[in-house]
Amino acid sequence: MKPLLLFLFVVCTLPATAQVHLMQAKGAEPTAVIWPSLQDSSYTLLYPPGWEPNESGALGTAFFLFAPRESPQDSFRENINLLIEDLAAARMDLDAYIAYSVEKGRQFMDDLVILDSTRLQDERGPYHQLIFTGRQGIFRLKWKQHYRVFGRKAYVLTFTAQESRFAAYLEQVDRVMQSFAVRE
């Protein structure tokens, strides 16, 4: 019985294997990878397969998404996180919240340098993008943040990377940030 099962396995898998090689030889596009989603009652977004979600609420965040380690010696995991802050008591609009955030950033990191501060618009409305560098502990880091205010809540989506690795992640990170949507 085992030889018959082995024969059937080999015969059944050969055509599929040959078909894959023929498709590759003809230059067929690989199958699109479907990105998982992360969502709750107030937001939704897509993230790359292999990134590790953490919804523990660490550091007051709604979540962290950690990039895979690049090597066993990788001492910093690039990440994306979301901070949701209630602005009802503070009565801040988007501009005031950005100014407040930059001031707080200067208090918590050394050598903060703002590289870009731009108001943008997409189909979900206006948002503000900040890109900046600084030092935290032993790391030279670079951040990209998108600030959105909906109702009386601020949503700050942040990508953090070692400055030298920032560009390597940017294509994926932009796709994650573009997929972010607030559920009102």
C-alpha atoms as a PDB file:
ATOM      1  CA  MET A   1       0.000   0.000   0.000  1.00  0.00           C
ATOM      2  CA  LYS A   2       2.848   2.447   0.797  1.00  0.00           C
ATOM      3  CA  PRO A   3       4.374   2.187  -2.708  1.00  0.00           C
ATOM      4  CA  LEU A   4       0.955   2.931  -4.254  1.00  0.00           C
ATOM      5  CA  LEU A   5       0.506   6.025  -2.021  1.00  0.00           C
ATOM      6  CA  LEU A   6       4.017   7.216  -2.851  1.00  0.00           C
ATOM      7  CA  PHE A   7       3.339   6.699  -6.584  1.00  0.00           C
ATOM      8  CA  LEU A   8       0.048   8.638  -6.387  1.00  0.00           C
ATOM      9  CA  PHE A   9       1.742  11.461  -4.457  1.00  0.00           C
ATOM     10  CA  VAL A  10       4.535  11.757  -7.048  1.00  0.00           C
ATOM     11  CA  VAL A  11       2.177  11.540 -10.036  1.00  0.00           C
ATOM     12  CA  CYS A  12      -0.265  14.067  -8.545  1.00  0.00           C
ATOM     13  CA  THR A  13       2.412  16.594  -7.651  1.00  0.00           C
ATOM     14  CA  LEU A  14       4.444  16.448 -10.862  1.00  0.00           C
ATOM     15  CA  PRO A  15       1.953  18.305 -13.053  1.00  0.00           C
ATOM     16  CA  ALA A  16       1.542  21.042 -10.455  1.00  0.00           C
ATOM     17  CA  THR A  17       5.296  21.441 -10.124  1.00  0.00           C
ATOM     18  CA  ALA A  18       5.738  21.538 -13.879  1.00  0.00           C
ATOM     19  CA  GLN A  19       2.983  24.109 -14.187  1.00  0.00           C
ATOM     20  CA  VAL A  20       4.670  26.390 -11.675  1.00  0.00           C
ATOM     21  CA  HIS A  21       7.938  26.194 -13.571  1.00  0.00           C
ATOM     22  CA  LEU A  22       6.175  26.878 -16.893  1.00  0.00           C
ATOM     23  CA  MET A  23       4.420  29.907 -15.421  1.00  0.00           C
ATOM     24  CA  GLN A  24       7.716  31.237 -14.141  1.00  0.00           C
ATOM     25  CA  ALA A  25       9.459  30.543 -17.433  1.00  0.00           C
ATOM     26  CA  LYS A  26       6.802  32.539 -19.291  1.00  0.00           C
ATOM     27  CA  GLY A  27       7.255  35.452 -16.891  1.00  0.00           C
ATOM     28  CA  ALA A  28       3.904  35.103 -15.154  1.00  0.00           C
ATOM     29  CA  GLU A  29       3.371  37.421 -12.219  1.00  0.00           C
ATOM     30  CA  PRO A  30       3.577  35.787  -8.788  1.00  0.00           C
ATOM     31  CA  THR A  31       0.376  35.525  -6.822  1.00  0.00           C
ATOM     32  CA  ALA A  32      -0.335  38.681  -4.824  1.00  0.00           C
ATOM     33  CA  VAL A  33       0.335  38.373  -1.122  1.00  0.00           C
ATOM     34  CA  ILE A  34      -2.668  39.230   1.006  1.00  0.00           C
ATOM     35  CA  TRP A  35      -1.823  41.468   3.952  1.00  0.00           C
ATOM     36  CA  PRO A  36      -3.508  40.765   7.277  1.00  0.00           C
ATOM     37  CA  SER A  37      -5.590  43.488   8.921  1.00  0.00           C
ATOM     38  CA  LEU A  38      -5.561  44.941  12.389  1.00  0.00           C
ATOM     39  CA  GLN A  39      -8.760  46.571  13.543  1.00  0.00           C
ATOM     40  CA  ASP A  40     -11.014  47.454  16.394  1.00  0.00           C
ATOM     41  CA  SER A  41     -14.123  49.586  16.763  1.00  0.00           C
ATOM     42  CA  SER A  42     -12.246  52.838  16.031  1.00  0.00           C
ATOM     43  CA  TYR A  43      -9.676  51.988  13.318  1.00  0.00           C
ATOM     44  CA  THR A  44      -8.515  49.519  10.700  1.00  0.00           C
ATOM     45  CA  LEU A  45      -5.284  49.023   8.749  1.00  0.00           C
ATOM     46  CA  LEU A  46      -3.335  46.439   6.777  1.00  0.00           C
ATOM     47  CA  TYR A  47       0.197  45.298   7.605  1.00  0.00           C
ATOM     48  CA  PRO A  48       2.874  43.149   5.947  1.00  0.00           C
ATOM     49  CA  PRO A  49       2.906  39.406   6.570  1.00  0.00           C
ATOM     50  CA  GLY A  50       5.618  38.515   9.046  1.00  0.00           C
ATOM     51  CA  TRP A  51       5.186  41.682  11.102  1.00  0.00           C
ATOM     52  CA  GLU A  52       4.187  40.920  14.690  1.00  0.00           C
ATOM     53  CA  PRO A  53       1.168  42.732  16.146  1.00  0.00           C
ATOM     54  CA  ASN A  54       1.125  43.572  19.862  1.00  0.00           C
ATOM     55  CA  GLU A  55      -2.122  44.999  21.236  1.00  0.00           C
ATOM     56  CA  SER A  56      -1.088  44.957  24.907  1.00  0.00           C
ATOM     57  CA  GLY A  57      -1.477  48.733  25.266  1.00  0.00           C
ATOM     58  CA  ALA A  58       2.228  49.186  26.046  1.00  0.00           C
ATOM     59  CA  LEU A  59       3.256  52.836  26.403  1.00  0.00           C
ATOM     60  CA  GLY A  60      -0.379  53.920  26.018  1.00  0.00           C
ATOM     61  CA  THR A  61      -0.618  52.709  22.417  1.00  0.00           C
ATOM     62  CA  ALA A  62      -3.509  50.948  20.722  1.00  0.00           C
ATOM     63  CA  PHE A  63      -0.971  48.606  19.120  1.00  0.00           C
ATOM     64  CA  PHE A  64       2.582  48.047  17.979  1.00  0.00           C
ATOM     65  CA  LEU A  65       3.514  46.243  14.771  1.00  0.00           C
ATOM     66  CA  PHE A  66       7.075  44.919  14.973  1.00  0.00           C
ATOM     67  CA  ALA A  67       9.071  44.189  11.819  1.00  0.00           C
ATOM     68  CA  PRO A  68      10.828  40.821  11.681  1.00  0.00           C
ATOM     69  CA  ARG A  69      14.377  40.783  12.996  1.00  0.00           C
ATOM     70  CA  GLU A  70      16.865  41.238  10.174  1.00  0.00           C
ATOM     71  CA  SER A  71      19.390  38.966  11.905  1.00  0.00           C
ATOM     72  CA  PRO A  72      19.911  37.323  15.299  1.00  0.00           C
ATOM     73  CA  GLN A  73      22.096  40.316  16.218  1.00  0.00           C
ATOM     74  CA  ASP A  74      19.388  42.861  15.318  1.00  0.00           C
ATOM     75  CA  SER A  75      19.142  44.991  18.469  1.00  0.00           C
ATOM     76  CA  PHE A  76      16.305  47.274  17.314  1.00  0.00           C
ATOM     77  CA  ARG A  77      13.040  46.160  15.743  1.00  0.00           C
ATOM     78  CA  GLU A  78      11.547  48.741  13.438  1.00  0.00           C
ATOM     79  CA  ASN A  79       7.905  49.261  14.305  1.00  0.00           C
ATOM     80  CA  ILE A  80       4.656  51.050  13.669  1.00  0.00           C
ATOM     81  CA  ASN A  81       2.380  52.098  16.507  1.00  0.00           C
ATOM     82  CA  LEU A  82      -0.870  53.930  16.990  1.00  0.00           C
ATOM     83  CA  LEU A  83      -1.597  56.389  19.773  1.00  0.00           C
ATOM     84  CA  ILE A  84      -5.192  57.535  20.248  1.00  0.00           C
ATOM     85  CA  GLU A  85      -5.575  60.551  22.503  1.00  0.00           C
ATOM     86  CA  ASP A  86      -8.787  62.138  23.756  1.00  0.00           C
ATOM     87  CA  LEU A  87      -8.683  65.882  23.073  1.00  0.00           C
ATOM     88  CA  ALA A  88     -12.069  66.796  24.550  1.00  0.00           C
ATOM     89  CA  ALA A  89     -10.635  68.342  27.727  1.00  0.00           C
ATOM     90  CA  ALA A  90      -7.683  69.974  25.949  1.00  0.00           C
ATOM     91  CA  ARG A  91      -9.815  71.504  23.177  1.00  0.00           C
ATOM     92  CA  MET A  92      -7.007  71.231  20.600  1.00  0.00           C
ATOM     93  CA  ASP A  93      -7.333  71.243  16.866  1.00  0.00           C
ATOM     94  CA  LEU A  94      -4.836  69.501  14.571  1.00  0.00           C
ATOM     95  CA  ASP A  95      -2.375  72.421  14.489  1.00  0.00           C
ATOM     96  CA  ALA A  96      -2.336  72.843  18.266  1.00  0.00           C
ATOM     97  CA  TYR A  97      -1.921  69.097  18.778  1.00  0.00           C
ATOM     98  CA  ILE A  98       1.066  68.960  16.408  1.00  0.00           C
ATOM     99  CA  ALA A  99       2.758  71.883  18.209  1.00  0.00           C
ATOM    100  CA  TYR A 100       2.118  70.165  21.552  1.00  0.00           C
ATOM    101  CA  SER A 101       3.513  66.850  20.237  1.00  0.00           C
ATOM    102  CA  VAL A 102       6.692  68.442  18.859  1.00  0.00           C
ATOM    103  CA  GLU A 103       7.319  70.160  22.201  1.00  0.00           C
ATOM    104  CA  LYS A 104       6.833  66.877  24.061  1.00  0.00           C
ATOM    105  CA  GLY A 105       9.160  65.155  21.584  1.00  0.00           C
ATOM    106  CA  ARG A 106      11.910  67.659  22.341  1.00  0.00           C
ATOM    107  CA  GLN A 107      11.579  66.775  26.033  1.00  0.00           C
ATOM    108  CA  PHE A 108      11.931  63.025  25.490  1.00  0.00           C
ATOM    109  CA  MET A 109      14.619  62.722  22.821  1.00  0.00           C
ATOM    110  CA  ASP A 110      18.018  64.208  22.172  1.00  0.00           C
ATOM    111  CA  ASP A 111      19.011  66.006  18.979  1.00  0.00           C
ATOM    112  CA  LEU A 112      15.486  66.182  17.532  1.00  0.00           C
ATOM    113  CA  VAL A 113      15.604  67.527  13.967  1.00  0.00           C
ATOM    114  CA  ILE A 114      12.377  67.964  11.987  1.00  0.00           C
ATOM    115  CA  LEU A 115      12.993  67.072   8.345  1.00  0.00           C
ATOM    116  CA  ASP A 116       9.440  67.469   7.046  1.00  0.00           C
ATOM    117  CA  SER A 117       6.246  69.006   8.395  1.00  0.00           C
ATOM    118  CA  THR A 118       3.512  68.951   5.770  1.00  0.00           C
ATOM    119  CA  ARG A 119      -0.287  69.202   5.743  1.00  0.00           C
ATOM    120  CA  LEU A 120      -1.722  66.610   3.366  1.00  0.00           C
ATOM    121  CA  GLN A 121      -5.150  65.501   2.215  1.00  0.00           C
ATOM    122  CA  ASP A 122      -6.511  62.151   1.129  1.00  0.00           C
ATOM    123  CA  GLU A 123      -9.976  60.655   0.660  1.00  0.00           C
ATOM    124  CA  ARG A 124     -10.360  60.424   4.462  1.00  0.00           C
ATOM    125  CA  GLY A 125      -9.633  64.115   5.016  1.00  0.00           C
ATOM    126  CA  PRO A 126      -6.724  66.292   6.133  1.00  0.00           C
ATOM    127  CA  TYR A 127      -3.772  64.952   8.076  1.00  0.00           C
ATOM    128  CA  HIS A 128      -0.321  66.155   8.996  1.00  0.00           C
ATOM    129  CA  GLN A 129       2.938  64.357   8.292  1.00  0.00           C
ATOM    130  CA  LEU A 130       6.063  64.800  10.388  1.00  0.00           C
ATOM    131  CA  ILE A 131       9.401  63.183   9.585  1.00  0.00           C
ATOM    132  CA  PHE A 132      12.186  63.708  12.078  1.00  0.00           C
ATOM    133  CA  THR A 133      15.382  62.253  13.493  1.00  0.00           C
ATOM    134  CA  GLY A 134      16.773  62.080  16.982  1.00  0.00           C
ATOM    135  CA  ARG A 135      18.601  59.963  19.470  1.00  0.00           C
ATOM    136  CA  GLN A 136      17.132  57.717  22.137  1.00  0.00           C
ATOM    137  CA  GLY A 137      19.694  55.940  24.262  1.00  0.00           C
ATOM    138  CA  ILE A 138      22.250  54.290  21.971  1.00  0.00           C
ATOM    139  CA  PHE A 139      20.065  54.512  18.865  1.00  0.00           C
ATOM    140  CA  ARG A 140      19.964  57.146  16.107  1.00  0.00           C
ATOM    141  CA  LEU A 141      16.347  56.899  15.012  1.00  0.00           C
ATOM    142  CA  LYS A 142      14.108  58.297  12.317  1.00  0.00           C
ATOM    143  CA  TRP A 143      10.344  58.659  12.608  1.00  0.00           C
ATOM    144  CA  LYS A 144       7.481  59.188  10.226  1.00  0.00           C
ATOM    145  CA  GLN A 145       4.180  60.224  11.787  1.00  0.00           C
ATOM    146  CA  HIS A 146       0.701  60.847  10.451  1.00  0.00           C
ATOM    147  CA  TYR A 147      -1.562  62.955  12.664  1.00  0.00           C
ATOM    148  CA  ARG A 148      -5.330  62.909  12.185  1.00  0.00           C
ATOM    149  CA  VAL A 149      -8.042  64.469  14.312  1.00  0.00           C
ATOM    150  CA  PHE A 150     -11.562  63.065  14.116  1.00  0.00           C
ATOM    151  CA  GLY A 151     -14.150  64.484  16.451  1.00  0.00           C
ATOM    152  CA  ARG A 152     -12.371  65.041  19.757  1.00  0.00           C
ATOM    153  CA  LYS A 153      -9.727  62.332  19.259  1.00  0.00           C
ATOM    154  CA  ALA A 154      -6.222  62.508  17.823  1.00  0.00           C
ATOM    155  CA  TYR A 155      -4.819  59.480  15.992  1.00  0.00           C
ATOM    156  CA  VAL A 156      -1.034  59.406  15.658  1.00  0.00           C
ATOM    157  CA  LEU A 157       0.340  56.629  13.473  1.00  0.00           C
ATOM    158  CA  THR A 158       4.115  56.402  13.925  1.00  0.00           C
ATOM    159  CA  PHE A 159       6.838  54.466  12.135  1.00  0.00           C
ATOM    160  CA  THR A 160      10.150  54.229  14.018  1.00  0.00           C
ATOM    161  CA  ALA A 161      13.364  52.906  12.497  1.00  0.00           C
ATOM    162  CA  GLN A 162      17.072  53.077  12.964  1.00  0.00           C
ATOM    163  CA  GLU A 163      18.069  56.043  10.833  1.00  0.00           C
ATOM    164  CA  SER A 164      20.276  53.853   8.615  1.00  0.00           C
ATOM    165  CA  ARG A 165      17.383  51.398   7.941  1.00  0.00           C
ATOM    166  CA  PHE A 166      14.540  53.893   7.444  1.00  0.00           C
ATOM    167  CA  ALA A 167      14.572  53.902   3.617  1.00  0.00           C
ATOM    168  CA  ALA A 168      14.587  50.101   3.421  1.00  0.00           C
ATOM    169  CA  TYR A 169      11.164  49.943   5.087  1.00  0.00           C
ATOM    170  CA  LEU A 170       9.563  53.006   3.559  1.00  0.00           C
ATOM    171  CA  GLU A 171       7.641  51.330   0.715  1.00  0.00           C
ATOM    172  CA  GLN A 172       5.918  48.882   3.083  1.00  0.00           C
ATOM    173  CA  VAL A 173       5.357  51.533   5.740  1.00  0.00           C
ATOM    174  CA  ASP A 174       3.756  53.925   3.252  1.00  0.00           C
ATOM    175  CA  ARG A 175       1.355  51.161   2.230  1.00  0.00           C
ATOM    176  CA  VAL A 176       0.445  50.521   5.885  1.00  0.00           C
ATOM    177  CA  MET A 177      -0.071  54.229   6.545  1.00  0.00           C
ATOM    178  CA  GLN A 178      -2.192  54.639   3.416  1.00  0.00           C
ATOM    179  CA  SER A 179      -4.419  51.744   4.512  1.00  0.00           C
ATOM    180  CA  PHE A 180      -5.131  53.309   7.924  1.00  0.00           C
ATOM    181  CA  ALA A 181      -8.737  54.407   8.372  1.00  0.00           C
ATOM    182  CA  VAL A 182     -10.656  55.705  11.364  1.00  0.00           C
ATOM    183  CA  ARG A 183     -14.087  54.214  11.924  1.00  0.00           C
ATOM    184  CA  GLU A 184     -16.265  57.090  13.069  1.00  0.00           C
END
